[in-house]
Amino acid sequence: GNGARHRRVRGRSHLDRAEALQPATAELRLAQLLLALDQDNWPEVDRLAKECLKLDPQNGDNTNAVGAYVYYTRGNFAEADRLFVRAQDIQGLAVAAPFNNRVALWMRWRGPEAALRLWDRAPPGQVRSESTHASLLLALGRIDEARAAAEGIPAPSPVIALGADRSAGIGFTMLALGREDRARAWAD
């Protein structure tokens, strides 16, 4: 509605002012990209994505974000996959997001069997999300294994700050596995 439009206009003016006061940064381009994405301005999204990656090619967070928000969203799975691999290379094994994004991509692109093979081939020491693993097993109908994987999902806490979509996904996985108690904890 009008409130969301007003916030976008204010956000755009803040970003324009930031750009006028300093040289372009990858972070500024990413913020502009997200605003252009919200407005379905795909030519601008493409331009800003390229600039963001060019301005800071060693920033794994931005590389992962561009892969997720731009290429995965638009169905350019090969480019999203390439960016997730690049983000993994930059960030190392201790960061789970690029790997988990890549597994989710493969689930949609190549199917749950391929995604599970990717999961199983993770390099030793790769931090992974047990909720992603449980969801894969659930999609394959391997309920007992999914329940065992779900036991590795920690209870929600203020320390575990996940987005609402991710928390809801974990809640739905728990519910599908018959763990109403844990599903409720993730829904709160």
N, C-alpha and C. Protein backbone atom coordinates (compact mmCIF):
# COMPACT_ATOMS: atom_id res chain seq x y z
N GLY A 1 0.81 -1.18 0.00
CA GLY A 1 0.00 0.00 0.00
C GLY A 1 0.86 1.25 0.00
N ASN A 2 0.26 2.32 0.40
CA ASN A 2 0.96 3.61 0.42
C ASN A 2 2.12 3.64 1.40
N GLY A 3 1.98 2.94 2.54
CA GLY A 3 3.06 2.92 3.52
C GLY A 3 4.31 2.27 2.97
N ALA A 4 4.14 1.13 2.29
CA ALA A 4 5.29 0.44 1.70
C ALA A 4 5.91 1.28 0.60
N ARG A 5 5.07 1.94 -0.22
CA ARG A 5 5.59 2.79 -1.29
C ARG A 5 6.38 3.95 -0.69
N HIS A 6 5.85 4.55 0.36
CA HIS A 6 6.54 5.66 1.01
C HIS A 6 7.90 5.22 1.56
N ARG A 7 7.96 4.03 2.18
CA ARG A 7 9.23 3.52 2.70
C ARG A 7 10.23 3.30 1.56
N ARG A 8 9.76 2.80 0.42
CA ARG A 8 10.65 2.59 -0.73
C ARG A 8 11.20 3.91 -1.25
N VAL A 9 10.33 4.92 -1.34
CA VAL A 9 10.76 6.23 -1.82
C VAL A 9 11.77 6.83 -0.85
N ARG A 10 11.49 6.74 0.45
CA ARG A 10 12.45 7.24 1.46
C ARG A 10 13.75 6.46 1.39
N GLY A 11 13.65 5.13 1.25
CA GLY A 11 14.85 4.31 1.14
C GLY A 11 15.67 4.69 -0.07
N ARG A 12 15.01 4.93 -1.18
CA ARG A 12 15.72 5.33 -2.41
C ARG A 12 16.42 6.66 -2.21
N SER A 13 15.75 7.62 -1.55
CA SER A 13 16.39 8.93 -1.35
C SER A 13 17.58 8.81 -0.41
N HIS A 14 17.51 7.96 0.59
CA HIS A 14 18.66 7.74 1.49
C HIS A 14 19.82 7.12 0.72
N LEU A 15 19.53 6.15 -0.13
CA LEU A 15 20.59 5.50 -0.91
C LEU A 15 21.19 6.47 -1.92
N ASP A 16 20.36 7.31 -2.53
CA ASP A 16 20.87 8.31 -3.47
C ASP A 16 21.78 9.30 -2.75
N ARG A 17 21.39 9.70 -1.54
CA ARG A 17 22.23 10.62 -0.77
C ARG A 17 23.55 9.96 -0.39
N ALA A 18 23.51 8.70 0.01
CA ALA A 18 24.74 7.98 0.36
C ALA A 18 25.66 7.89 -0.86
N GLU A 19 25.09 7.66 -2.01
CA GLU A 19 25.91 7.55 -3.23
C GLU A 19 26.55 8.89 -3.57
N ALA A 20 25.83 9.99 -3.32
CA ALA A 20 26.39 11.31 -3.61
C ALA A 20 27.53 11.69 -2.67
N LEU A 21 27.53 11.12 -1.48
CA LEU A 21 28.53 11.49 -0.47
C LEU A 21 29.80 10.65 -0.49
N GLN A 22 29.80 9.55 -1.20
CA GLN A 22 30.96 8.64 -1.18
C GLN A 22 31.03 7.89 -2.50
N PRO A 23 32.19 7.33 -2.77
CA PRO A 23 32.27 6.48 -3.96
C PRO A 23 31.38 5.24 -3.77
N ALA A 24 30.96 4.67 -4.86
CA ALA A 24 30.10 3.48 -4.80
C ALA A 24 30.82 2.36 -4.07
N THR A 25 30.07 1.64 -3.24
CA THR A 25 30.58 0.46 -2.55
C THR A 25 29.71 -0.73 -2.93
N ALA A 26 30.22 -1.91 -2.70
CA ALA A 26 29.45 -3.12 -2.97
C ALA A 26 28.20 -3.16 -2.09
N GLU A 27 28.33 -2.71 -0.85
CA GLU A 27 27.18 -2.74 0.06
C GLU A 27 26.08 -1.79 -0.40
N LEU A 28 26.49 -0.60 -0.90
CA LEU A 28 25.50 0.34 -1.42
C LEU A 28 24.80 -0.26 -2.64
N ARG A 29 25.58 -0.85 -3.53
CA ARG A 29 24.98 -1.47 -4.73
C ARG A 29 24.04 -2.61 -4.35
N LEU A 30 24.38 -3.38 -3.32
CA LEU A 30 23.49 -4.46 -2.89
C LEU A 30 22.18 -3.88 -2.34
N ALA A 31 22.27 -2.83 -1.54
CA ALA A 31 21.05 -2.20 -1.02
C ALA A 31 20.20 -1.64 -2.16
N GLN A 32 20.84 -1.00 -3.15
CA GLN A 32 20.11 -0.50 -4.30
C GLN A 32 19.48 -1.65 -5.10
N LEU A 33 20.22 -2.74 -5.21
CA LEU A 33 19.73 -3.93 -5.91
C LEU A 33 18.46 -4.45 -5.24
N LEU A 34 18.45 -4.53 -3.92
CA LEU A 34 17.28 -5.04 -3.21
C LEU A 34 16.07 -4.13 -3.42
N LEU A 35 16.31 -2.82 -3.47
CA LEU A 35 15.22 -1.89 -3.73
C LEU A 35 14.70 -2.06 -5.17
N ALA A 36 15.61 -2.18 -6.13
CA ALA A 36 15.22 -2.39 -7.53
C ALA A 36 14.47 -3.73 -7.68
N LEU A 37 14.91 -4.72 -6.94
CA LEU A 37 14.24 -6.02 -6.96
C LEU A 37 12.81 -5.90 -6.44
N ASP A 38 12.64 -5.14 -5.38
CA ASP A 38 11.31 -4.91 -4.80
C ASP A 38 10.39 -4.22 -5.80
N GLN A 39 10.98 -3.46 -6.73
CA GLN A 39 10.20 -2.73 -7.73
C GLN A 39 10.12 -3.48 -9.06
N ASP A 40 10.65 -4.71 -9.08
CA ASP A 40 10.67 -5.52 -10.32
C ASP A 40 11.36 -4.81 -11.47
N ASN A 41 12.39 -4.04 -11.15
CA ASN A 41 13.15 -3.33 -12.17
C ASN A 41 14.35 -4.20 -12.55
N TRP A 42 14.10 -5.22 -13.38
CA TRP A 42 15.13 -6.22 -13.66
C TRP A 42 16.35 -5.68 -14.40
N PRO A 43 16.22 -4.75 -15.35
CA PRO A 43 17.44 -4.21 -15.96
C PRO A 43 18.35 -3.55 -14.91
N GLU A 44 17.74 -2.84 -13.97
CA GLU A 44 18.52 -2.19 -12.90
C GLU A 44 19.11 -3.24 -11.96
N VAL A 45 18.33 -4.27 -11.65
CA VAL A 45 18.83 -5.36 -10.80
C VAL A 45 20.07 -5.98 -11.43
N ASP A 46 20.00 -6.28 -12.73
CA ASP A 46 21.15 -6.88 -13.42
C ASP A 46 22.38 -5.98 -13.36
N ARG A 47 22.18 -4.69 -13.64
CA ARG A 47 23.31 -3.74 -13.62
C ARG A 47 23.94 -3.66 -12.23
N LEU A 48 23.09 -3.54 -11.22
CA LEU A 48 23.59 -3.41 -9.85
C LEU A 48 24.25 -4.69 -9.35
N ALA A 49 23.74 -5.84 -9.75
CA ALA A 49 24.35 -7.12 -9.37
C ALA A 49 25.78 -7.20 -9.90
N LYS A 50 25.95 -6.86 -11.17
CA LYS A 50 27.29 -6.89 -11.77
C LYS A 50 28.23 -5.92 -11.07
N GLU A 51 27.73 -4.70 -10.79
CA GLU A 51 28.57 -3.71 -10.11
C GLU A 51 28.93 -4.15 -8.69
N CYS A 52 27.95 -4.72 -7.98
CA CYS A 52 28.19 -5.18 -6.61
C CYS A 52 29.33 -6.21 -6.59
N LEU A 53 29.25 -7.17 -7.49
CA LEU A 53 30.27 -8.23 -7.52
C LEU A 53 31.62 -7.71 -8.00
N LYS A 54 31.61 -6.73 -8.89
CA LYS A 54 32.85 -6.15 -9.41
C LYS A 54 33.55 -5.28 -8.35
N LEU A 55 32.75 -4.55 -7.56
CA LEU A 55 33.33 -3.65 -6.56
C LEU A 55 34.02 -4.39 -5.42
N ASP A 56 33.53 -5.57 -5.07
CA ASP A 56 34.16 -6.34 -4.00
C ASP A 56 34.06 -7.83 -4.32
N PRO A 57 34.91 -8.29 -5.25
CA PRO A 57 34.81 -9.67 -5.70
C PRO A 57 35.14 -10.72 -4.63
N GLN A 58 35.72 -10.31 -3.51
CA GLN A 58 36.06 -11.25 -2.45
C GLN A 58 35.09 -11.21 -1.28
N ASN A 59 33.93 -10.61 -1.48
CA ASN A 59 32.92 -10.54 -0.44
C ASN A 59 31.95 -11.71 -0.62
N GLY A 60 32.09 -12.72 0.19
CA GLY A 60 31.26 -13.92 0.08
C GLY A 60 29.81 -13.68 0.43
N ASP A 61 29.55 -12.78 1.38
CA ASP A 61 28.15 -12.49 1.73
C ASP A 61 27.41 -11.89 0.54
N ASN A 62 28.04 -10.91 -0.12
CA ASN A 62 27.41 -10.29 -1.28
C ASN A 62 27.27 -11.28 -2.43
N THR A 63 28.28 -12.09 -2.65
CA THR A 63 28.23 -13.08 -3.72
C THR A 63 27.08 -14.05 -3.48
N ASN A 64 26.93 -14.51 -2.26
CA ASN A 64 25.83 -15.40 -1.89
C ASN A 64 24.49 -14.70 -2.08
N ALA A 65 24.39 -13.45 -1.64
CA ALA A 65 23.14 -12.69 -1.75
C ALA A 65 22.73 -12.49 -3.20
N VAL A 66 23.68 -12.13 -4.06
CA VAL A 66 23.37 -11.94 -5.48
C VAL A 66 22.91 -13.27 -6.08
N GLY A 67 23.58 -14.36 -5.73
CA GLY A 67 23.15 -15.67 -6.23
C GLY A 67 21.73 -15.98 -5.82
N ALA A 68 21.40 -15.69 -4.56
CA ALA A 68 20.08 -16.03 -4.03
C ALA A 68 19.00 -15.09 -4.54
N TYR A 69 19.22 -13.79 -4.41
CA TYR A 69 18.17 -12.82 -4.72
C TYR A 69 17.97 -12.60 -6.22
N VAL A 70 19.05 -12.68 -6.99
CA VAL A 70 18.93 -12.36 -8.41
C VAL A 70 18.77 -13.61 -9.26
N TYR A 71 19.74 -14.51 -9.19
CA TYR A 71 19.76 -15.61 -10.15
C TYR A 71 18.86 -16.77 -9.74
N TYR A 72 18.86 -17.15 -8.47
CA TYR A 72 17.97 -18.22 -8.02
C TYR A 72 16.51 -17.81 -8.22
N THR A 73 16.19 -16.59 -7.83
CA THR A 73 14.83 -16.07 -7.93
C THR A 73 14.32 -16.09 -9.37
N ARG A 74 15.20 -15.78 -10.31
CA ARG A 74 14.79 -15.70 -11.72
C ARG A 74 14.88 -17.04 -12.44
N GLY A 75 15.36 -18.07 -11.74
CA GLY A 75 15.45 -19.38 -12.38
C GLY A 75 16.71 -19.60 -13.19
N ASN A 76 17.71 -18.72 -13.05
CA ASN A 76 19.00 -18.93 -13.71
C ASN A 76 19.84 -19.76 -12.75
N PHE A 77 19.52 -21.05 -12.69
CA PHE A 77 20.10 -21.93 -11.68
C PHE A 77 21.59 -22.15 -11.88
N ALA A 78 22.05 -22.21 -13.12
CA ALA A 78 23.48 -22.43 -13.36
C ALA A 78 24.31 -21.27 -12.80
N GLU A 79 23.85 -20.04 -13.02
CA GLU A 79 24.58 -18.88 -12.50
C GLU A 79 24.48 -18.81 -10.98
N ALA A 80 23.32 -19.10 -10.43
CA ALA A 80 23.17 -19.12 -8.97
C ALA A 80 24.11 -20.15 -8.36
N ASP A 81 24.17 -21.34 -8.96
CA ASP A 81 25.05 -22.40 -8.47
C ASP A 81 26.51 -21.94 -8.50
N ARG A 82 26.91 -21.31 -9.61
CA ARG A 82 28.29 -20.82 -9.74
C ARG A 82 28.60 -19.80 -8.64
N LEU A 83 27.66 -18.91 -8.35
CA LEU A 83 27.90 -17.90 -7.32
C LEU A 83 27.91 -18.51 -5.92
N PHE A 84 27.07 -19.50 -5.66
CA PHE A 84 27.10 -20.17 -4.35
C PHE A 84 28.43 -20.88 -4.14
N VAL A 85 28.94 -21.54 -5.18
CA VAL A 85 30.25 -22.20 -5.07
C VAL A 85 31.33 -21.15 -4.81
N ARG A 86 31.26 -20.04 -5.53
CA ARG A 86 32.25 -18.96 -5.32
C ARG A 86 32.18 -18.42 -3.90
N ALA A 87 30.97 -18.21 -3.39
CA ALA A 87 30.80 -17.72 -2.02
C ALA A 87 31.37 -18.73 -1.02
N GLN A 88 31.14 -20.03 -1.27
CA GLN A 88 31.71 -21.07 -0.40
C GLN A 88 33.23 -20.98 -0.40
N ASP A 89 33.82 -20.82 -1.58
CA ASP A 89 35.28 -20.73 -1.69
C ASP A 89 35.81 -19.52 -0.92
N ILE A 90 35.11 -18.41 -0.99
CA ILE A 90 35.54 -17.19 -0.31
C ILE A 90 35.38 -17.33 1.20
N GLN A 91 34.23 -17.82 1.64
CA GLN A 91 33.90 -17.82 3.07
C GLN A 91 34.43 -19.02 3.84
N GLY A 92 34.70 -20.09 3.15
CA GLY A 92 35.22 -21.25 3.84
C GLY A 92 34.14 -22.14 4.41
N LEU A 93 34.58 -23.18 5.07
CA LEU A 93 33.68 -24.24 5.55
C LEU A 93 32.85 -23.85 6.77
N ALA A 94 33.26 -22.81 7.48
CA ALA A 94 32.58 -22.45 8.73
C ALA A 94 31.28 -21.67 8.50
N VAL A 95 31.02 -21.26 7.27
CA VAL A 95 29.80 -20.50 6.96
C VAL A 95 28.83 -21.42 6.21
N ALA A 96 27.65 -21.57 6.76
CA ALA A 96 26.69 -22.54 6.21
C ALA A 96 25.84 -22.00 5.07
N ALA A 97 25.60 -20.70 5.02
CA ALA A 97 24.61 -20.14 4.08
C ALA A 97 24.84 -20.51 2.62
N PRO A 98 26.04 -20.31 2.06
CA PRO A 98 26.18 -20.65 0.63
C PRO A 98 25.95 -22.14 0.36
N PHE A 99 26.43 -23.00 1.23
CA PHE A 99 26.23 -24.44 1.04
C PHE A 99 24.75 -24.79 1.13
N ASN A 100 24.07 -24.29 2.15
CA ASN A 100 22.64 -24.60 2.31
C ASN A 100 21.82 -24.01 1.16
N ASN A 101 22.20 -22.82 0.69
CA ASN A 101 21.51 -22.24 -0.47
C ASN A 101 21.71 -23.12 -1.70
N ARG A 102 22.90 -23.64 -1.84
CA ARG A 102 23.20 -24.50 -2.99
C ARG A 102 22.38 -25.80 -2.90
N VAL A 103 22.26 -26.37 -1.72
CA VAL A 103 21.45 -27.59 -1.56
C VAL A 103 19.99 -27.28 -1.89
N ALA A 104 19.46 -26.15 -1.42
CA ALA A 104 18.07 -25.77 -1.73
C ALA A 104 17.89 -25.56 -3.23
N LEU A 105 18.88 -24.95 -3.86
CA LEU A 105 18.85 -24.77 -5.31
C LEU A 105 18.78 -26.11 -6.03
N TRP A 106 19.66 -27.02 -5.63
CA TRP A 106 19.67 -28.35 -6.27
C TRP A 106 18.36 -29.08 -6.04
N MET A 107 17.76 -28.90 -4.88
CA MET A 107 16.47 -29.53 -4.60
C MET A 107 15.45 -29.09 -5.65
N ARG A 108 15.42 -27.81 -5.92
CA ARG A 108 14.46 -27.26 -6.88
C ARG A 108 14.86 -27.56 -8.33
N TRP A 109 16.15 -27.50 -8.61
CA TRP A 109 16.67 -27.60 -9.97
C TRP A 109 16.83 -29.04 -10.44
N ARG A 110 17.44 -29.86 -9.59
CA ARG A 110 17.80 -31.21 -9.99
C ARG A 110 17.05 -32.30 -9.23
N GLY A 111 16.29 -31.89 -8.22
CA GLY A 111 15.49 -32.85 -7.47
C GLY A 111 16.12 -33.25 -6.15
N PRO A 112 15.32 -33.86 -5.25
CA PRO A 112 15.79 -34.18 -3.90
C PRO A 112 16.93 -35.20 -3.88
N GLU A 113 16.95 -36.14 -4.81
CA GLU A 113 18.04 -37.14 -4.81
C GLU A 113 19.38 -36.46 -5.07
N ALA A 114 19.41 -35.58 -6.07
CA ALA A 114 20.65 -34.87 -6.40
C ALA A 114 21.06 -33.96 -5.25
N ALA A 115 20.08 -33.29 -4.63
CA ALA A 115 20.39 -32.41 -3.51
C ALA A 115 20.98 -33.20 -2.34
N LEU A 116 20.44 -34.39 -2.08
CA LEU A 116 20.96 -35.21 -1.00
C LEU A 116 22.38 -35.70 -1.32
N ARG A 117 22.65 -36.02 -2.59
CA ARG A 117 24.02 -36.41 -2.98
C ARG A 117 24.98 -35.25 -2.73
N LEU A 118 24.55 -34.04 -3.08
CA LEU A 118 25.39 -32.86 -2.81
C LEU A 118 25.63 -32.73 -1.31
N TRP A 119 24.59 -32.91 -0.52
CA TRP A 119 24.69 -32.83 0.94
C TRP A 119 25.72 -33.85 1.44
N ASP A 120 25.59 -35.07 0.94
CA ASP A 120 26.47 -36.16 1.39
C ASP A 120 27.93 -35.95 0.95
N ARG A 121 28.15 -35.22 -0.12
CA ARG A 121 29.50 -34.97 -0.63
C ARG A 121 30.14 -33.71 -0.05
N ALA A 122 29.51 -33.10 0.92
CA ALA A 122 30.07 -31.88 1.51
C ALA A 122 31.47 -32.15 2.02
N PRO A 123 32.36 -31.17 1.85
CA PRO A 123 33.73 -31.37 2.35
C PRO A 123 33.72 -31.57 3.87
N PRO A 124 34.64 -32.35 4.38
CA PRO A 124 34.73 -32.51 5.85
C PRO A 124 34.86 -31.14 6.51
N GLY A 125 34.09 -30.93 7.53
CA GLY A 125 34.15 -29.67 8.27
C GLY A 125 33.17 -28.62 7.78
N GLN A 126 32.45 -28.90 6.68
CA GLN A 126 31.46 -27.93 6.17
C GLN A 126 30.31 -27.82 7.17
N VAL A 127 30.05 -26.60 7.65
CA VAL A 127 28.91 -26.37 8.52
C VAL A 127 27.65 -26.46 7.66
N ARG A 128 26.71 -27.27 8.14
CA ARG A 128 25.47 -27.49 7.39
C ARG A 128 24.29 -27.37 8.34
N SER A 129 23.13 -27.17 7.77
CA SER A 129 21.91 -27.05 8.56
C SER A 129 21.19 -28.39 8.62
N GLU A 130 20.99 -28.88 9.82
CA GLU A 130 20.27 -30.15 9.98
C GLU A 130 18.82 -30.03 9.52
N SER A 131 18.26 -28.82 9.58
CA SER A 131 16.88 -28.67 9.10
C SER A 131 16.82 -28.87 7.59
N THR A 132 17.85 -28.45 6.87
CA THR A 132 17.91 -28.70 5.43
C THR A 132 18.00 -30.20 5.16
N HIS A 133 18.82 -30.88 5.93
CA HIS A 133 18.99 -32.33 5.79
C HIS A 133 17.66 -33.04 6.07
N ALA A 134 17.00 -32.65 7.14
CA ALA A 134 15.72 -33.27 7.49
C ALA A 134 14.69 -33.03 6.39
N SER A 135 14.67 -31.82 5.82
CA SER A 135 13.72 -31.51 4.75
C SER A 135 13.98 -32.36 3.51
N LEU A 136 15.25 -32.57 3.18
CA LEU A 136 15.59 -33.42 2.03
C LEU A 136 15.10 -34.85 2.24
N LEU A 137 15.40 -35.37 3.41
CA LEU A 137 14.99 -36.74 3.71
C LEU A 137 13.47 -36.87 3.72
N LEU A 138 12.80 -35.88 4.23
CA LEU A 138 11.35 -35.87 4.25
C LEU A 138 10.81 -35.85 2.82
N ALA A 139 11.40 -35.04 1.94
CA ALA A 139 10.97 -34.98 0.54
C ALA A 139 11.15 -36.32 -0.17
N LEU A 140 12.12 -37.10 0.28
CA LEU A 140 12.37 -38.41 -0.31
C LEU A 140 11.55 -39.52 0.35
N GLY A 141 10.74 -39.15 1.37
CA GLY A 141 9.92 -40.14 2.05
C GLY A 141 10.69 -40.99 3.04
N ARG A 142 11.88 -40.56 3.40
CA ARG A 142 12.71 -41.31 4.35
C ARG A 142 12.46 -40.75 5.76
N ILE A 143 11.28 -41.05 6.26
CA ILE A 143 10.76 -40.43 7.48
C ILE A 143 11.62 -40.71 8.71
N ASP A 144 12.02 -41.95 8.92
CA ASP A 144 12.81 -42.28 10.11
C ASP A 144 14.15 -41.55 10.11
N GLU A 145 14.79 -41.50 8.94
CA GLU A 145 16.06 -40.76 8.84
C GLU A 145 15.83 -39.26 9.04
N ALA A 146 14.71 -38.75 8.52
CA ALA A 146 14.39 -37.33 8.70
C ALA A 146 14.19 -37.01 10.17
N ARG A 147 13.49 -37.91 10.89
CA ARG A 147 13.30 -37.69 12.33
C ARG A 147 14.64 -37.66 13.06
N ALA A 148 15.54 -38.57 12.70
CA ALA A 148 16.86 -38.60 13.34
C ALA A 148 17.62 -37.31 13.04
N ALA A 149 17.56 -36.84 11.80
CA ALA A 149 18.23 -35.59 11.44
C ALA A 149 17.63 -34.41 12.20
N ALA A 150 16.29 -34.43 12.36
CA ALA A 150 15.61 -33.34 13.05
C ALA A 150 16.02 -33.25 14.52
N GLU A 151 16.44 -34.36 15.10
CA GLU A 151 16.91 -34.33 16.49
C GLU A 151 18.15 -33.44 16.65
N GLY A 152 18.88 -33.24 15.55
CA GLY A 152 20.07 -32.39 15.60
C GLY A 152 19.77 -30.91 15.47
N ILE A 153 18.51 -30.57 15.25
CA ILE A 153 18.12 -29.16 15.13
C ILE A 153 17.97 -28.59 16.54
N PRO A 154 18.73 -27.56 16.86
CA PRO A 154 18.61 -27.01 18.21
C PRO A 154 17.27 -26.32 18.42
N ALA A 155 16.86 -26.22 19.67
CA ALA A 155 15.64 -25.49 20.00
C ALA A 155 15.85 -24.01 19.70
N PRO A 156 14.79 -23.31 19.33
CA PRO A 156 14.95 -21.88 19.07
C PRO A 156 15.36 -21.14 20.34
N SER A 157 16.16 -20.12 20.17
CA SER A 157 16.59 -19.30 21.30
C SER A 157 16.95 -17.92 20.76
N PRO A 158 17.12 -16.93 21.65
CA PRO A 158 17.53 -15.60 21.18
C PRO A 158 18.88 -15.62 20.46
N VAL A 159 19.71 -16.61 20.75
CA VAL A 159 21.02 -16.71 20.12
C VAL A 159 20.88 -17.16 18.67
N ILE A 160 19.87 -17.99 18.38
CA ILE A 160 19.63 -18.48 17.03
C ILE A 160 18.67 -17.51 16.36
N ALA A 161 19.22 -16.55 15.63
CA ALA A 161 18.41 -15.52 14.98
C ALA A 161 18.22 -15.89 13.52
N LEU A 162 17.09 -16.48 13.19
CA LEU A 162 16.79 -16.86 11.82
C LEU A 162 15.67 -15.98 11.30
N GLY A 163 15.58 -15.84 10.00
CA GLY A 163 14.47 -15.11 9.41
C GLY A 163 13.17 -15.85 9.63
N ALA A 164 12.07 -15.14 9.49
CA ALA A 164 10.75 -15.74 9.71
C ALA A 164 10.49 -16.90 8.76
N ASP A 165 10.90 -16.77 7.50
CA ASP A 165 10.69 -17.87 6.54
C ASP A 165 11.44 -19.11 6.96
N ARG A 166 12.66 -18.95 7.41
CA ARG A 166 13.50 -20.09 7.81
C ARG A 166 12.91 -20.75 9.07
N SER A 167 12.50 -19.93 10.04
CA SER A 167 11.90 -20.48 11.25
C SER A 167 10.61 -21.22 10.94
N ALA A 168 9.79 -20.66 10.05
CA ALA A 168 8.54 -21.33 9.67
C ALA A 168 8.84 -22.65 8.97
N GLY A 169 9.88 -22.67 8.13
CA GLY A 169 10.26 -23.90 7.43
C GLY A 169 10.66 -24.99 8.40
N ILE A 170 11.42 -24.62 9.42
CA ILE A 170 11.81 -25.59 10.43
C ILE A 170 10.56 -26.08 11.18
N GLY A 171 9.65 -25.16 11.49
CA GLY A 171 8.41 -25.54 12.17
C GLY A 171 7.59 -26.52 11.34
N PHE A 172 7.48 -26.26 10.04
CA PHE A 172 6.73 -27.17 9.16
C PHE A 172 7.40 -28.53 9.07
N THR A 173 8.71 -28.55 9.01
CA THR A 173 9.43 -29.83 8.98
C THR A 173 9.15 -30.61 10.25
N MET A 174 9.22 -29.95 11.39
CA MET A 174 8.94 -30.62 12.67
C MET A 174 7.51 -31.15 12.70
N LEU A 175 6.57 -30.35 12.21
CA LEU A 175 5.18 -30.77 12.19
C LEU A 175 4.99 -32.00 11.30
N ALA A 176 5.60 -31.99 10.12
CA ALA A 176 5.49 -33.12 9.20
C ALA A 176 6.09 -34.39 9.79
N LEU A 177 7.03 -34.23 10.70
CA LEU A 177 7.67 -35.38 11.33
C LEU A 177 6.97 -35.80 12.62
N GLY A 178 5.83 -35.17 12.89
CA GLY A 178 5.07 -35.55 14.07
C GLY A 178 5.60 -34.97 15.37
N ARG A 179 6.41 -33.94 15.27
CA ARG A 179 6.98 -33.31 16.46
C ARG A 179 6.26 -31.99 16.74
N GLU A 180 4.98 -32.09 17.13
CA GLU A 180 4.16 -30.89 17.35
C GLU A 180 4.77 -29.99 18.41
N ASP A 181 5.37 -30.59 19.45
CA ASP A 181 5.97 -29.81 20.53
C ASP A 181 7.08 -28.90 19.98
N ARG A 182 7.94 -29.46 19.14
CA ARG A 182 9.04 -28.67 18.59
C ARG A 182 8.55 -27.73 17.50
N ALA A 183 7.49 -28.11 16.78
CA ALA A 183 6.92 -27.23 15.76
C ALA A 183 6.38 -25.97 16.42
N ARG A 184 5.68 -26.13 17.55
CA ARG A 184 5.15 -24.98 18.28
C ARG A 184 6.26 -24.06 18.76
N ALA A 185 7.35 -24.65 19.23
CA ALA A 185 8.48 -23.83 19.72
C ALA A 185 9.03 -22.96 18.60
N TRP A 186 9.10 -23.49 17.38
CA TRP A 186 9.64 -22.72 16.25
C TRP A 186 8.61 -21.71 15.73
N ALA A 187 7.31 -21.96 15.98
CA ALA A 187 6.27 -21.04 15.52
C ALA A 187 6.17 -19.81 16.42
N ASP A 188 6.57 -19.93 17.67
CA ASP A 188 6.46 -18.81 18.63
C ASP A 188 7.47 -17.73 18.39
